[in-house]
Amino acid sequence: MLQLARRALPRATAAAVRRAPRRNFALPRPIEDGEAMLFPREGPGRCYALNWSLCGDGVTPARAAYRLTKASAASKLLGAEPAAVTGAGAAAGEADDDAFDDAFDAAATALEAASALYVAEGDAPGTRTPCRVITSELGLAATAMAHCLERMPLRPPTELPVTAYVSPGGAAFAGHVVEDGRVKIVLAGAEATAAALKASLAAAPGLLVEVPDEEALEA
């Protein structure tokens, strides 16, 4: 496998990176030369398109990452039927920007340190709003796929309008921000429950602002 040496950033560039919110720091995709691109072998838990899309979400997978797009696949990976959502959960409220940045950094760091990531993708219930759930807990990802999301048309892995970062470890936090036409949700610690996730995903489509196209503006 090709390994790239780390190169120190110029001082001004390094300072700018430190100031930039991590949730907005997306890595560029690799560029093909028009003929071929050489990568190490892919396999279960190793999909480069998924990994690049996770980097775009601000989480760099250190090990395996599994994408779940239907309930049956979640059940197969789990080896059992996913647990149903129990109890009443509250949707994550709007968070202060600085508080969200801190919670996002902590959640992303915990996710990156996990032995595996599980990425559940589907539409928010009763809508056509694609959502992504990123977590280190297989059981929670399977429950999200089976009981919190509806199956959506299969598409290549990419960043989606709604992304939930669910990290059961660390300090309790539940909050969301809306930026660049996307909803980002962090559920951490004691707030990282299936009930809170289900409520947050159900509420997310209503937070998206529909931008009219040019023809509608000219009409």
N, C-alpha and C. Protein backbone atom coordinates (compact mmCIF):
# COMPACT_ATOMS: atom_id res chain seq x y z
N MET A 1 0.85 -1.20 0.00
CA MET A 1 0.00 0.00 0.00
C MET A 1 0.88 1.24 0.00
N LEU A 2 0.57 2.22 -0.80
CA LEU A 2 1.34 3.44 -0.87
C LEU A 2 1.13 4.28 0.38
N GLN A 3 2.22 4.74 0.97
CA GLN A 3 2.14 5.60 2.14
C GLN A 3 2.74 6.94 1.79
N LEU A 4 2.04 7.99 2.12
CA LEU A 4 2.51 9.34 1.83
C LEU A 4 3.14 9.92 3.08
N ALA A 5 4.28 10.53 2.92
CA ALA A 5 4.96 11.14 4.07
C ALA A 5 4.20 12.38 4.49
N ARG A 6 4.14 12.62 5.80
CA ARG A 6 3.52 13.84 6.31
C ARG A 6 4.46 15.01 6.06
N ARG A 7 3.92 16.10 5.59
CA ARG A 7 4.73 17.28 5.32
C ARG A 7 4.21 18.42 6.16
N ALA A 8 5.10 19.12 6.80
CA ALA A 8 4.69 20.22 7.67
C ALA A 8 4.06 21.32 6.84
N LEU A 9 2.96 21.87 7.35
CA LEU A 9 2.31 22.97 6.66
C LEU A 9 3.05 24.27 6.95
N PRO A 10 3.04 25.22 6.00
CA PRO A 10 3.56 26.56 6.31
C PRO A 10 2.84 27.13 7.52
N ARG A 11 3.55 27.98 8.29
CA ARG A 11 2.99 28.45 9.55
C ARG A 11 1.65 29.15 9.37
N ALA A 12 1.53 29.99 8.35
CA ALA A 12 0.27 30.72 8.13
C ALA A 12 -0.86 29.76 7.78
N THR A 13 -0.55 28.75 6.96
CA THR A 13 -1.58 27.77 6.58
C THR A 13 -2.01 26.95 7.78
N ALA A 14 -1.05 26.52 8.59
CA ALA A 14 -1.39 25.73 9.78
C ALA A 14 -2.29 26.50 10.72
N ALA A 15 -2.02 27.79 10.90
CA ALA A 15 -2.85 28.60 11.79
C ALA A 15 -4.27 28.72 11.25
N ALA A 16 -4.39 28.88 9.92
CA ALA A 16 -5.72 28.98 9.32
C ALA A 16 -6.51 27.70 9.50
N VAL A 17 -5.84 26.54 9.36
CA VAL A 17 -6.52 25.27 9.54
C VAL A 17 -7.00 25.10 10.97
N ARG A 18 -6.19 25.52 11.95
CA ARG A 18 -6.61 25.41 13.34
C ARG A 18 -7.84 26.25 13.63
N ARG A 19 -7.96 27.41 12.95
CA ARG A 19 -9.09 28.29 13.20
C ARG A 19 -10.35 27.79 12.51
N ALA A 20 -10.23 27.03 11.44
CA ALA A 20 -11.38 26.58 10.68
C ALA A 20 -12.15 25.51 11.44
N PRO A 21 -13.47 25.62 11.55
CA PRO A 21 -14.24 24.56 12.21
C PRO A 21 -14.02 23.22 11.53
N ARG A 22 -13.78 22.19 12.31
CA ARG A 22 -13.47 20.88 11.75
C ARG A 22 -14.62 20.35 10.90
N ARG A 23 -15.86 20.70 11.28
CA ARG A 23 -16.98 20.14 10.54
C ARG A 23 -17.06 20.68 9.12
N ASN A 24 -16.33 21.76 8.82
CA ASN A 24 -16.32 22.33 7.48
C ASN A 24 -15.07 21.94 6.69
N PHE A 25 -14.21 21.11 7.31
CA PHE A 25 -12.94 20.78 6.67
C PHE A 25 -13.07 19.45 5.94
N ALA A 26 -13.42 19.51 4.65
CA ALA A 26 -13.61 18.29 3.85
C ALA A 26 -12.39 18.05 2.97
N LEU A 27 -12.01 16.79 2.83
CA LEU A 27 -10.88 16.43 2.00
C LEU A 27 -11.33 16.30 0.54
N PRO A 28 -10.48 16.73 -0.40
CA PRO A 28 -10.84 16.58 -1.82
C PRO A 28 -10.81 15.13 -2.24
N ARG A 29 -11.61 14.80 -3.24
CA ARG A 29 -11.60 13.46 -3.79
C ARG A 29 -10.34 13.23 -4.63
N PRO A 30 -9.89 11.97 -4.74
CA PRO A 30 -8.77 11.70 -5.64
C PRO A 30 -9.18 11.95 -7.08
N ILE A 31 -8.25 12.33 -7.90
CA ILE A 31 -8.54 12.65 -9.31
C ILE A 31 -7.97 11.56 -10.19
N GLU A 32 -8.81 11.03 -11.06
CA GLU A 32 -8.36 10.00 -12.00
C GLU A 32 -7.63 10.65 -13.16
N ASP A 33 -6.74 9.87 -13.79
CA ASP A 33 -5.96 10.40 -14.92
C ASP A 33 -6.62 10.14 -16.26
N GLY A 34 -7.86 9.66 -16.26
CA GLY A 34 -8.58 9.40 -17.50
C GLY A 34 -8.46 7.96 -17.95
N GLU A 35 -7.54 7.20 -17.35
CA GLU A 35 -7.38 5.81 -17.74
C GLU A 35 -7.60 4.87 -16.57
N ALA A 36 -6.90 5.09 -15.48
CA ALA A 36 -7.02 4.15 -14.36
C ALA A 36 -6.56 4.83 -13.08
N MET A 37 -6.95 4.23 -11.96
CA MET A 37 -6.49 4.69 -10.66
C MET A 37 -6.19 3.44 -9.84
N LEU A 38 -5.00 3.37 -9.25
CA LEU A 38 -4.57 2.19 -8.51
C LEU A 38 -4.81 2.39 -7.03
N PHE A 39 -5.54 1.46 -6.43
CA PHE A 39 -5.79 1.47 -5.00
C PHE A 39 -5.54 0.06 -4.47
N PRO A 40 -5.28 -0.08 -3.18
CA PRO A 40 -5.26 -1.42 -2.59
C PRO A 40 -6.63 -2.08 -2.73
N ARG A 41 -6.68 -3.38 -2.54
CA ARG A 41 -7.94 -4.11 -2.74
C ARG A 41 -9.03 -3.60 -1.81
N GLU A 42 -10.26 -3.56 -2.33
CA GLU A 42 -11.42 -3.27 -1.50
C GLU A 42 -11.99 -4.59 -1.00
N GLY A 43 -12.83 -4.51 0.01
CA GLY A 43 -13.47 -5.68 0.58
C GLY A 43 -14.44 -5.25 1.65
N PRO A 44 -15.00 -6.20 2.40
CA PRO A 44 -15.94 -5.84 3.47
C PRO A 44 -15.30 -4.85 4.45
N GLY A 45 -15.98 -3.73 4.64
CA GLY A 45 -15.46 -2.72 5.55
C GLY A 45 -14.43 -1.81 4.93
N ARG A 46 -14.11 -2.02 3.67
CA ARG A 46 -13.12 -1.17 3.00
C ARG A 46 -13.64 -0.78 1.63
N CYS A 47 -14.33 0.35 1.60
CA CYS A 47 -14.88 0.90 0.36
C CYS A 47 -14.37 2.33 0.25
N TYR A 48 -13.58 2.60 -0.78
CA TYR A 48 -12.93 3.89 -0.86
C TYR A 48 -13.91 5.03 -1.12
N ALA A 49 -14.95 4.76 -1.90
CA ALA A 49 -15.96 5.80 -2.13
C ALA A 49 -16.64 6.18 -0.82
N LEU A 50 -16.94 5.18 0.02
CA LEU A 50 -17.55 5.47 1.32
C LEU A 50 -16.58 6.24 2.20
N ASN A 51 -15.31 5.81 2.22
CA ASN A 51 -14.33 6.49 3.07
C ASN A 51 -14.15 7.94 2.67
N TRP A 52 -14.10 8.21 1.36
CA TRP A 52 -13.95 9.59 0.92
C TRP A 52 -15.17 10.42 1.32
N SER A 53 -16.35 9.83 1.20
CA SER A 53 -17.55 10.59 1.58
C SER A 53 -17.58 10.87 3.07
N LEU A 54 -17.07 9.94 3.88
CA LEU A 54 -16.99 10.17 5.32
C LEU A 54 -15.98 11.28 5.63
N CYS A 55 -14.89 11.32 4.87
CA CYS A 55 -13.94 12.43 5.05
C CYS A 55 -14.63 13.76 4.76
N GLY A 56 -15.50 13.76 3.75
CA GLY A 56 -16.27 14.97 3.45
C GLY A 56 -17.19 15.37 4.57
N ASP A 57 -17.60 14.38 5.39
CA ASP A 57 -18.44 14.66 6.55
C ASP A 57 -17.63 15.02 7.78
N GLY A 58 -16.30 15.06 7.65
CA GLY A 58 -15.45 15.44 8.77
C GLY A 58 -15.00 14.30 9.64
N VAL A 59 -15.22 13.06 9.20
CA VAL A 59 -14.80 11.88 9.97
C VAL A 59 -13.90 11.03 9.07
N THR A 60 -12.66 10.84 9.47
CA THR A 60 -11.72 10.04 8.69
C THR A 60 -11.64 8.64 9.27
N PRO A 61 -12.16 7.63 8.56
CA PRO A 61 -12.14 6.27 9.11
C PRO A 61 -10.71 5.77 9.29
N ALA A 62 -10.40 5.27 10.48
CA ALA A 62 -9.07 4.73 10.74
C ALA A 62 -9.00 3.25 10.42
N ARG A 63 -10.16 2.59 10.47
CA ARG A 63 -10.18 1.14 10.24
C ARG A 63 -11.34 0.82 9.30
N ALA A 64 -12.17 -0.13 9.66
CA ALA A 64 -13.25 -0.56 8.78
C ALA A 64 -14.43 0.41 8.86
N ALA A 65 -15.17 0.50 7.77
CA ALA A 65 -16.40 1.29 7.72
C ALA A 65 -17.41 0.51 6.89
N TYR A 66 -18.59 0.30 7.45
CA TYR A 66 -19.63 -0.51 6.80
C TYR A 66 -20.83 0.38 6.48
N ARG A 67 -21.31 0.26 5.26
CA ARG A 67 -22.47 1.04 4.83
C ARG A 67 -23.71 0.16 4.85
N LEU A 68 -24.77 0.65 5.50
CA LEU A 68 -26.03 -0.07 5.60
C LEU A 68 -27.09 0.73 4.86
N THR A 69 -27.70 0.11 3.84
CA THR A 69 -28.71 0.81 3.05
C THR A 69 -30.06 0.10 3.05
N LYS A 70 -30.14 -1.05 3.74
CA LYS A 70 -31.42 -1.73 3.87
C LYS A 70 -31.43 -2.53 5.16
N ALA A 71 -32.63 -2.73 5.70
CA ALA A 71 -32.78 -3.37 7.00
C ALA A 71 -32.25 -4.80 7.00
N SER A 72 -32.44 -5.52 5.90
CA SER A 72 -31.99 -6.91 5.86
C SER A 72 -30.47 -7.01 5.97
N ALA A 73 -29.75 -6.08 5.35
CA ALA A 73 -28.29 -6.07 5.45
C ALA A 73 -27.85 -5.75 6.87
N ALA A 74 -28.59 -4.86 7.53
CA ALA A 74 -28.28 -4.54 8.92
C ALA A 74 -28.47 -5.75 9.82
N SER A 75 -29.56 -6.48 9.61
CA SER A 75 -29.83 -7.69 10.40
C SER A 75 -28.76 -8.75 10.17
N LYS A 76 -28.33 -8.89 8.92
CA LYS A 76 -27.31 -9.89 8.59
C LYS A 76 -25.99 -9.57 9.27
N LEU A 77 -25.58 -8.31 9.23
CA LEU A 77 -24.33 -7.91 9.85
C LEU A 77 -24.40 -8.04 11.37
N LEU A 78 -25.56 -7.70 11.93
CA LEU A 78 -25.75 -7.77 13.37
C LEU A 78 -25.88 -9.21 13.85
N GLY A 79 -26.42 -10.07 12.98
CA GLY A 79 -26.65 -11.46 13.36
C GLY A 79 -27.91 -11.66 14.15
N ALA A 80 -28.80 -10.69 14.12
CA ALA A 80 -30.08 -10.75 14.84
C ALA A 80 -30.97 -9.63 14.31
N GLU A 81 -32.23 -9.68 14.71
CA GLU A 81 -33.13 -8.59 14.34
C GLU A 81 -32.79 -7.34 15.15
N PRO A 82 -32.69 -6.20 14.51
CA PRO A 82 -32.37 -4.97 15.26
C PRO A 82 -33.42 -4.67 16.32
N ALA A 83 -32.97 -4.16 17.44
CA ALA A 83 -33.88 -3.81 18.52
C ALA A 83 -34.79 -2.66 18.10
N ALA A 84 -36.03 -2.71 18.56
CA ALA A 84 -36.97 -1.62 18.28
C ALA A 84 -36.63 -0.41 19.13
N VAL A 85 -37.11 0.74 18.70
CA VAL A 85 -36.91 1.97 19.47
C VAL A 85 -37.89 1.97 20.63
N THR A 86 -37.39 2.19 21.82
CA THR A 86 -38.24 2.22 23.01
C THR A 86 -38.13 3.58 23.69
N GLY A 87 -39.20 3.97 24.33
CA GLY A 87 -39.20 5.23 25.06
C GLY A 87 -39.40 6.43 24.15
N ALA A 88 -39.71 7.54 24.76
CA ALA A 88 -39.92 8.78 24.03
C ALA A 88 -38.60 9.54 23.95
N GLY A 89 -38.32 10.04 22.78
CA GLY A 89 -37.10 10.81 22.59
C GLY A 89 -37.41 12.19 22.07
N ALA A 90 -36.57 13.14 22.42
CA ALA A 90 -36.73 14.52 21.95
C ALA A 90 -35.74 14.80 20.85
N ALA A 91 -36.17 15.52 19.83
CA ALA A 91 -35.27 15.88 18.75
C ALA A 91 -34.20 16.83 19.26
N ALA A 92 -33.01 16.70 18.73
CA ALA A 92 -31.91 17.59 19.13
C ALA A 92 -32.25 19.02 18.75
N GLY A 93 -32.13 19.93 19.70
CA GLY A 93 -32.45 21.33 19.45
C GLY A 93 -31.31 22.07 18.78
N GLU A 94 -31.57 23.30 18.36
CA GLU A 94 -30.53 24.11 17.73
C GLU A 94 -29.46 24.44 18.75
N ALA A 95 -28.21 24.27 18.37
CA ALA A 95 -27.10 24.45 19.29
C ALA A 95 -26.35 25.73 19.00
N ASP A 96 -25.76 26.29 20.04
CA ASP A 96 -24.82 27.39 19.89
C ASP A 96 -23.66 26.92 19.03
N ASP A 97 -23.19 27.78 18.14
CA ASP A 97 -22.19 27.36 17.18
C ASP A 97 -20.91 26.87 17.85
N ASP A 98 -20.43 27.60 18.85
CA ASP A 98 -19.19 27.18 19.52
C ASP A 98 -19.39 25.87 20.27
N ALA A 99 -20.52 25.72 20.93
CA ALA A 99 -20.80 24.48 21.66
C ALA A 99 -20.89 23.31 20.69
N PHE A 100 -21.51 23.56 19.54
CA PHE A 100 -21.61 22.49 18.56
C PHE A 100 -20.24 22.09 18.03
N ASP A 101 -19.39 23.08 17.76
CA ASP A 101 -18.04 22.77 17.28
C ASP A 101 -17.31 21.87 18.27
N ASP A 102 -17.39 22.20 19.56
CA ASP A 102 -16.70 21.39 20.57
C ASP A 102 -17.26 19.97 20.62
N ALA A 103 -18.59 19.86 20.57
CA ALA A 103 -19.22 18.54 20.62
C ALA A 103 -18.91 17.75 19.36
N PHE A 104 -18.91 18.43 18.22
CA PHE A 104 -18.59 17.76 16.96
C PHE A 104 -17.16 17.22 16.99
N ASP A 105 -16.22 18.04 17.44
CA ASP A 105 -14.82 17.60 17.50
C ASP A 105 -14.68 16.37 18.38
N ALA A 106 -15.34 16.39 19.54
CA ALA A 106 -15.24 15.25 20.46
C ALA A 106 -15.86 14.00 19.85
N ALA A 107 -17.02 14.15 19.22
CA ALA A 107 -17.69 13.00 18.61
C ALA A 107 -16.88 12.45 17.45
N ALA A 108 -16.38 13.33 16.59
CA ALA A 108 -15.60 12.87 15.44
C ALA A 108 -14.32 12.18 15.88
N THR A 109 -13.68 12.70 16.90
CA THR A 109 -12.46 12.07 17.41
C THR A 109 -12.76 10.68 17.96
N ALA A 110 -13.85 10.54 18.68
CA ALA A 110 -14.23 9.23 19.22
C ALA A 110 -14.57 8.25 18.09
N LEU A 111 -15.28 8.73 17.08
CA LEU A 111 -15.64 7.87 15.96
C LEU A 111 -14.40 7.41 15.19
N GLU A 112 -13.47 8.32 15.01
CA GLU A 112 -12.26 7.97 14.28
C GLU A 112 -11.40 6.95 15.02
N ALA A 113 -11.52 6.92 16.34
CA ALA A 113 -10.73 5.98 17.15
C ALA A 113 -11.39 4.61 17.27
N ALA A 114 -12.62 4.48 16.79
CA ALA A 114 -13.36 3.23 16.93
C ALA A 114 -12.77 2.14 16.04
N SER A 115 -12.99 0.89 16.44
CA SER A 115 -12.49 -0.23 15.65
C SER A 115 -13.25 -0.38 14.34
N ALA A 116 -14.47 0.14 14.27
CA ALA A 116 -15.26 0.10 13.04
C ALA A 116 -16.32 1.19 13.09
N LEU A 117 -16.68 1.69 11.93
CA LEU A 117 -17.78 2.65 11.81
C LEU A 117 -18.92 1.99 11.04
N TYR A 118 -20.15 2.37 11.41
CA TYR A 118 -21.33 1.85 10.75
C TYR A 118 -22.14 3.04 10.25
N VAL A 119 -22.44 3.03 8.96
CA VAL A 119 -23.07 4.17 8.31
C VAL A 119 -24.43 3.73 7.77
N ALA A 120 -25.48 4.15 8.42
CA ALA A 120 -26.84 3.82 8.00
C ALA A 120 -27.38 4.96 7.14
N GLU A 121 -27.95 4.63 5.99
CA GLU A 121 -28.46 5.64 5.07
C GLU A 121 -29.87 5.30 4.62
N GLY A 122 -30.73 6.29 4.66
CA GLY A 122 -32.11 6.12 4.21
C GLY A 122 -32.83 7.45 4.25
N ASP A 123 -34.08 7.43 3.83
CA ASP A 123 -34.89 8.65 3.85
C ASP A 123 -35.51 8.86 5.23
N ALA A 124 -35.65 10.12 5.61
CA ALA A 124 -36.39 10.44 6.82
C ALA A 124 -37.83 9.95 6.64
N PRO A 125 -38.45 9.44 7.69
CA PRO A 125 -39.78 8.84 7.57
C PRO A 125 -40.80 9.75 6.88
N GLY A 126 -41.49 9.22 5.88
CA GLY A 126 -42.54 9.95 5.19
C GLY A 126 -42.05 11.04 4.26
N THR A 127 -40.74 11.06 3.97
CA THR A 127 -40.18 12.11 3.11
C THR A 127 -39.26 11.46 2.09
N ARG A 128 -38.72 12.29 1.22
CA ARG A 128 -37.65 11.87 0.31
C ARG A 128 -36.38 12.65 0.67
N THR A 129 -36.14 12.83 1.95
CA THR A 129 -34.95 13.55 2.42
C THR A 129 -33.90 12.53 2.83
N PRO A 130 -32.82 12.39 2.07
CA PRO A 130 -31.79 11.40 2.40
C PRO A 130 -31.04 11.77 3.68
N CYS A 131 -30.83 10.78 4.52
CA CYS A 131 -30.15 10.98 5.80
C CYS A 131 -29.03 9.96 5.96
N ARG A 132 -28.02 10.35 6.70
CA ARG A 132 -26.91 9.46 7.02
C ARG A 132 -26.67 9.48 8.53
N VAL A 133 -26.49 8.30 9.10
CA VAL A 133 -26.16 8.15 10.52
C VAL A 133 -24.78 7.52 10.60
N ILE A 134 -23.86 8.18 11.29
CA ILE A 134 -22.50 7.67 11.47
C ILE A 134 -22.32 7.34 12.95
N THR A 135 -22.00 6.09 13.25
CA THR A 135 -21.84 5.67 14.64
C THR A 135 -20.85 4.53 14.72
N SER A 136 -20.33 4.32 15.92
CA SER A 136 -19.43 3.18 16.16
C SER A 136 -20.17 1.99 16.75
N GLU A 137 -21.49 2.14 16.96
CA GLU A 137 -22.29 1.08 17.57
C GLU A 137 -23.13 0.37 16.51
N LEU A 138 -22.80 -0.89 16.23
CA LEU A 138 -23.53 -1.63 15.21
C LEU A 138 -25.01 -1.76 15.56
N GLY A 139 -25.32 -2.06 16.81
CA GLY A 139 -26.72 -2.21 17.20
C GLY A 139 -27.52 -0.95 16.95
N LEU A 140 -26.94 0.21 17.23
CA LEU A 140 -27.64 1.48 17.01
C LEU A 140 -27.80 1.76 15.52
N ALA A 141 -26.78 1.44 14.74
CA ALA A 141 -26.88 1.64 13.29
C ALA A 141 -27.95 0.73 12.70
N ALA A 142 -28.01 -0.51 13.18
CA ALA A 142 -29.01 -1.45 12.68
C ALA A 142 -30.42 -0.99 13.05
N THR A 143 -30.59 -0.50 14.26
CA THR A 143 -31.89 0.03 14.68
C THR A 143 -32.28 1.24 13.84
N ALA A 144 -31.31 2.10 13.56
CA ALA A 144 -31.58 3.27 12.72
C ALA A 144 -32.07 2.85 11.34
N MET A 145 -31.42 1.81 10.77
CA MET A 145 -31.79 1.36 9.44
C MET A 145 -33.16 0.69 9.43
N ALA A 146 -33.46 -0.05 10.48
CA ALA A 146 -34.70 -0.83 10.51
C ALA A 146 -35.90 -0.04 11.04
N HIS A 147 -35.66 0.93 11.93
CA HIS A 147 -36.78 1.56 12.64
C HIS A 147 -36.80 3.09 12.61
N CYS A 148 -35.75 3.71 12.10
CA CYS A 148 -35.71 5.18 12.10
C CYS A 148 -35.70 5.77 10.69
N LEU A 149 -35.30 4.98 9.71
CA LEU A 149 -35.18 5.44 8.33
C LEU A 149 -35.99 4.56 7.41
N GLU A 150 -36.34 5.10 6.24
CA GLU A 150 -36.99 4.32 5.21
C GLU A 150 -36.00 4.09 4.07
N ARG A 151 -36.14 2.96 3.42
CA ARG A 151 -35.20 2.63 2.35
C ARG A 151 -35.30 3.66 1.23
N MET A 152 -34.15 4.10 0.75
CA MET A 152 -34.10 5.10 -0.33
C MET A 152 -33.46 4.47 -1.56
N PRO A 153 -33.63 5.09 -2.73
CA PRO A 153 -32.97 4.56 -3.93
C PRO A 153 -31.46 4.49 -3.72
N LEU A 154 -30.86 3.40 -4.14
CA LEU A 154 -29.43 3.22 -3.94
C LEU A 154 -28.66 4.17 -4.84
N ARG A 155 -27.70 4.85 -4.25
CA ARG A 155 -26.85 5.78 -4.99
C ARG A 155 -25.42 5.61 -4.49
N PRO A 156 -24.44 6.08 -5.26
CA PRO A 156 -23.06 5.99 -4.78
C PRO A 156 -22.91 6.74 -3.46
N PRO A 157 -21.98 6.30 -2.59
CA PRO A 157 -21.78 6.99 -1.31
C PRO A 157 -21.41 8.45 -1.51
N THR A 158 -22.09 9.32 -0.81
CA THR A 158 -21.80 10.74 -0.88
C THR A 158 -22.36 11.41 0.37
N GLU A 159 -21.93 12.64 0.62
CA GLU A 159 -22.50 13.40 1.72
C GLU A 159 -23.97 13.67 1.43
N LEU A 160 -24.80 13.63 2.49
CA LEU A 160 -26.25 13.77 2.31
C LEU A 160 -26.77 15.02 3.02
N PRO A 161 -27.99 15.44 2.71
CA PRO A 161 -28.52 16.67 3.32
C PRO A 161 -28.61 16.63 4.84
N VAL A 162 -28.81 15.45 5.41
CA VAL A 162 -28.91 15.31 6.87
C VAL A 162 -27.88 14.27 7.32
N THR A 163 -27.05 14.65 8.28
CA THR A 163 -26.06 13.72 8.82
C THR A 163 -26.11 13.78 10.34
N ALA A 164 -26.23 12.60 10.95
CA ALA A 164 -26.22 12.48 12.42
C ALA A 164 -24.95 11.77 12.84
N TYR A 165 -24.24 12.38 13.76
CA TYR A 165 -23.03 11.80 14.33
C TYR A 165 -23.40 11.30 15.73
N VAL A 166 -23.35 10.00 15.92
CA VAL A 166 -23.85 9.40 17.16
C VAL A 166 -22.70 8.69 17.86
N SER A 167 -22.27 9.25 18.98
CA SER A 167 -21.14 8.70 19.73
C SER A 167 -21.56 8.46 21.17
N PRO A 168 -21.77 7.20 21.56
CA PRO A 168 -22.26 6.91 22.91
C PRO A 168 -21.30 7.30 24.02
N GLY A 169 -20.03 7.47 23.72
CA GLY A 169 -19.07 7.83 24.76
C GLY A 169 -18.99 9.34 24.96
N GLY A 170 -18.31 9.74 26.03
CA GLY A 170 -18.07 11.16 26.27
C GLY A 170 -19.20 11.88 26.96
N ALA A 171 -19.08 13.19 27.01
CA ALA A 171 -20.07 14.02 27.69
C ALA A 171 -21.38 14.04 26.93
N ALA A 172 -22.48 14.15 27.66
CA ALA A 172 -23.81 14.18 27.05
C ALA A 172 -23.97 15.46 26.23
N PHE A 173 -24.49 15.28 25.02
CA PHE A 173 -24.78 16.44 24.15
C PHE A 173 -25.80 16.04 23.12
N ALA A 174 -26.73 16.95 22.86
CA ALA A 174 -27.70 16.77 21.79
C ALA A 174 -27.93 18.14 21.17
N GLY A 175 -27.62 18.27 19.90
CA GLY A 175 -27.81 19.55 19.24
C GLY A 175 -27.64 19.44 17.74
N HIS A 176 -28.13 20.45 17.03
CA HIS A 176 -27.98 20.47 15.58
C HIS A 176 -27.63 21.87 15.11
N VAL A 177 -27.06 21.95 13.93
CA VAL A 177 -26.87 23.21 13.23
C VAL A 177 -27.32 23.01 11.79
N VAL A 178 -27.67 24.10 11.14
CA VAL A 178 -28.01 24.08 9.72
C VAL A 178 -27.01 25.00 9.02
N GLU A 179 -26.25 24.45 8.11
CA GLU A 179 -25.26 25.26 7.40
C GLU A 179 -25.06 24.71 5.99
N ASP A 180 -24.90 25.62 5.05
CA ASP A 180 -24.68 25.24 3.65
C ASP A 180 -25.76 24.30 3.14
N GLY A 181 -26.99 24.53 3.57
CA GLY A 181 -28.10 23.72 3.09
C GLY A 181 -28.14 22.31 3.64
N ARG A 182 -27.42 22.05 4.73
CA ARG A 182 -27.38 20.72 5.33
C ARG A 182 -27.67 20.81 6.82
N VAL A 183 -28.28 19.74 7.33
CA VAL A 183 -28.51 19.63 8.77
C VAL A 183 -27.49 18.67 9.35
N LYS A 184 -26.79 19.12 10.38
CA LYS A 184 -25.81 18.26 11.06
C LYS A 184 -26.24 18.11 12.52
N ILE A 185 -26.29 16.88 12.97
CA ILE A 185 -26.79 16.54 14.31
C ILE A 185 -25.70 15.80 15.06
N VAL A 186 -25.49 16.17 16.32
CA VAL A 186 -24.58 15.42 17.18
C VAL A 186 -25.36 14.92 18.39
N LEU A 187 -25.29 13.61 18.61
CA LEU A 187 -25.85 12.98 19.81
C LEU A 187 -24.70 12.23 20.48
N ALA A 188 -24.39 12.59 21.71
CA ALA A 188 -23.23 12.00 22.38
C ALA A 188 -23.58 11.65 23.82
N GLY A 189 -22.80 10.71 24.36
CA GLY A 189 -22.98 10.32 25.75
C GLY A 189 -24.37 9.78 26.01
N ALA A 190 -24.96 10.22 27.11
CA ALA A 190 -26.28 9.74 27.49
C ALA A 190 -27.38 10.14 26.51
N GLU A 191 -27.10 11.12 25.65
CA GLU A 191 -28.09 11.56 24.65
C GLU A 191 -28.06 10.72 23.38
N ALA A 192 -27.08 9.83 23.27
CA ALA A 192 -26.94 9.01 22.06
C ALA A 192 -27.83 7.79 22.14
N THR A 193 -29.14 8.02 22.09
CA THR A 193 -30.11 6.94 22.19
C THR A 193 -30.87 6.78 20.88
N ALA A 194 -31.43 5.61 20.68
CA ALA A 194 -32.22 5.36 19.47
C ALA A 194 -33.45 6.27 19.43
N ALA A 195 -34.05 6.52 20.59
CA ALA A 195 -35.24 7.36 20.63
C ALA A 195 -34.92 8.79 20.22
N ALA A 196 -33.80 9.34 20.73
CA ALA A 196 -33.40 10.70 20.36
C ALA A 196 -33.02 10.77 18.89
N LEU A 197 -32.37 9.72 18.39
CA LEU A 197 -32.00 9.69 16.98
C LEU A 197 -33.23 9.67 16.08
N LYS A 198 -34.19 8.84 16.42
CA LYS A 198 -35.41 8.74 15.61
C LYS A 198 -36.14 10.08 15.57
N ALA A 199 -36.26 10.74 16.72
CA ALA A 199 -36.94 12.03 16.77
C ALA A 199 -36.17 13.09 16.00
N SER A 200 -34.85 13.06 16.08
CA SER A 200 -34.03 14.06 15.39
C SER A 200 -34.10 13.88 13.88
N LEU A 201 -34.08 12.64 13.42
CA LEU A 201 -34.18 12.39 11.97
C LEU A 201 -35.56 12.77 11.43
N ALA A 202 -36.59 12.52 12.22
CA ALA A 202 -37.94 12.88 11.78
C ALA A 202 -38.11 14.39 11.67
N ALA A 203 -37.43 15.13 12.56
CA ALA A 203 -37.56 16.59 12.56
C ALA A 203 -36.67 17.27 11.53
N ALA A 204 -35.62 16.60 11.09
CA ALA A 204 -34.60 17.23 10.25
C ALA A 204 -35.13 17.80 8.93
N PRO A 205 -36.01 17.11 8.19
CA PRO A 205 -36.46 17.68 6.91
C PRO A 205 -37.10 19.06 7.06
N GLY A 206 -37.77 19.30 8.17
CA GLY A 206 -38.39 20.60 8.39
C GLY A 206 -37.40 21.71 8.64
N LEU A 207 -36.14 21.36 8.90
CA LEU A 207 -35.11 22.36 9.14
C LEU A 207 -34.42 22.81 7.87
N LEU A 208 -34.59 22.04 6.81
CA LEU A 208 -33.95 22.39 5.54
C LEU A 208 -34.72 23.51 4.85
N VAL A 209 -34.00 24.47 4.35
CA VAL A 209 -34.62 25.59 3.65
C VAL A 209 -34.58 25.29 2.16
N GLU A 210 -35.74 25.28 1.55
CA GLU A 210 -35.82 25.01 0.11
C GLU A 210 -35.42 26.26 -0.64
N VAL A 211 -34.41 26.13 -1.50
CA VAL A 211 -33.93 27.25 -2.30
C VAL A 211 -34.57 27.18 -3.68
N PRO A 212 -35.33 28.20 -4.11
CA PRO A 212 -35.98 28.15 -5.42
C PRO A 212 -34.97 28.16 -6.54
N ASP A 213 -35.29 27.47 -7.64
CA ASP A 213 -34.36 27.45 -8.77
C ASP A 213 -34.49 28.76 -9.56
N GLU A 214 -33.61 28.93 -10.55
CA GLU A 214 -33.57 30.19 -11.29
C GLU A 214 -34.85 30.45 -12.07
N GLU A 215 -35.44 29.38 -12.65
CA GLU A 215 -36.67 29.55 -13.41
C GLU A 215 -37.79 30.04 -12.52
N ALA A 216 -37.84 29.51 -11.28
CA ALA A 216 -38.90 29.96 -10.36
C ALA A 216 -38.70 31.42 -9.98
N LEU A 217 -37.45 31.84 -9.84
CA LEU A 217 -37.17 33.23 -9.48
C LEU A 217 -37.55 34.19 -10.61
N GLU A 218 -37.40 33.73 -11.87
CA GLU A 218 -37.68 34.59 -13.02
C GLU A 218 -39.16 34.62 -13.35
N ALA A 219 -39.93 33.64 -12.84
CA ALA A 219 -41.35 33.58 -13.18
C ALA A 219 -42.13 34.74 -12.56
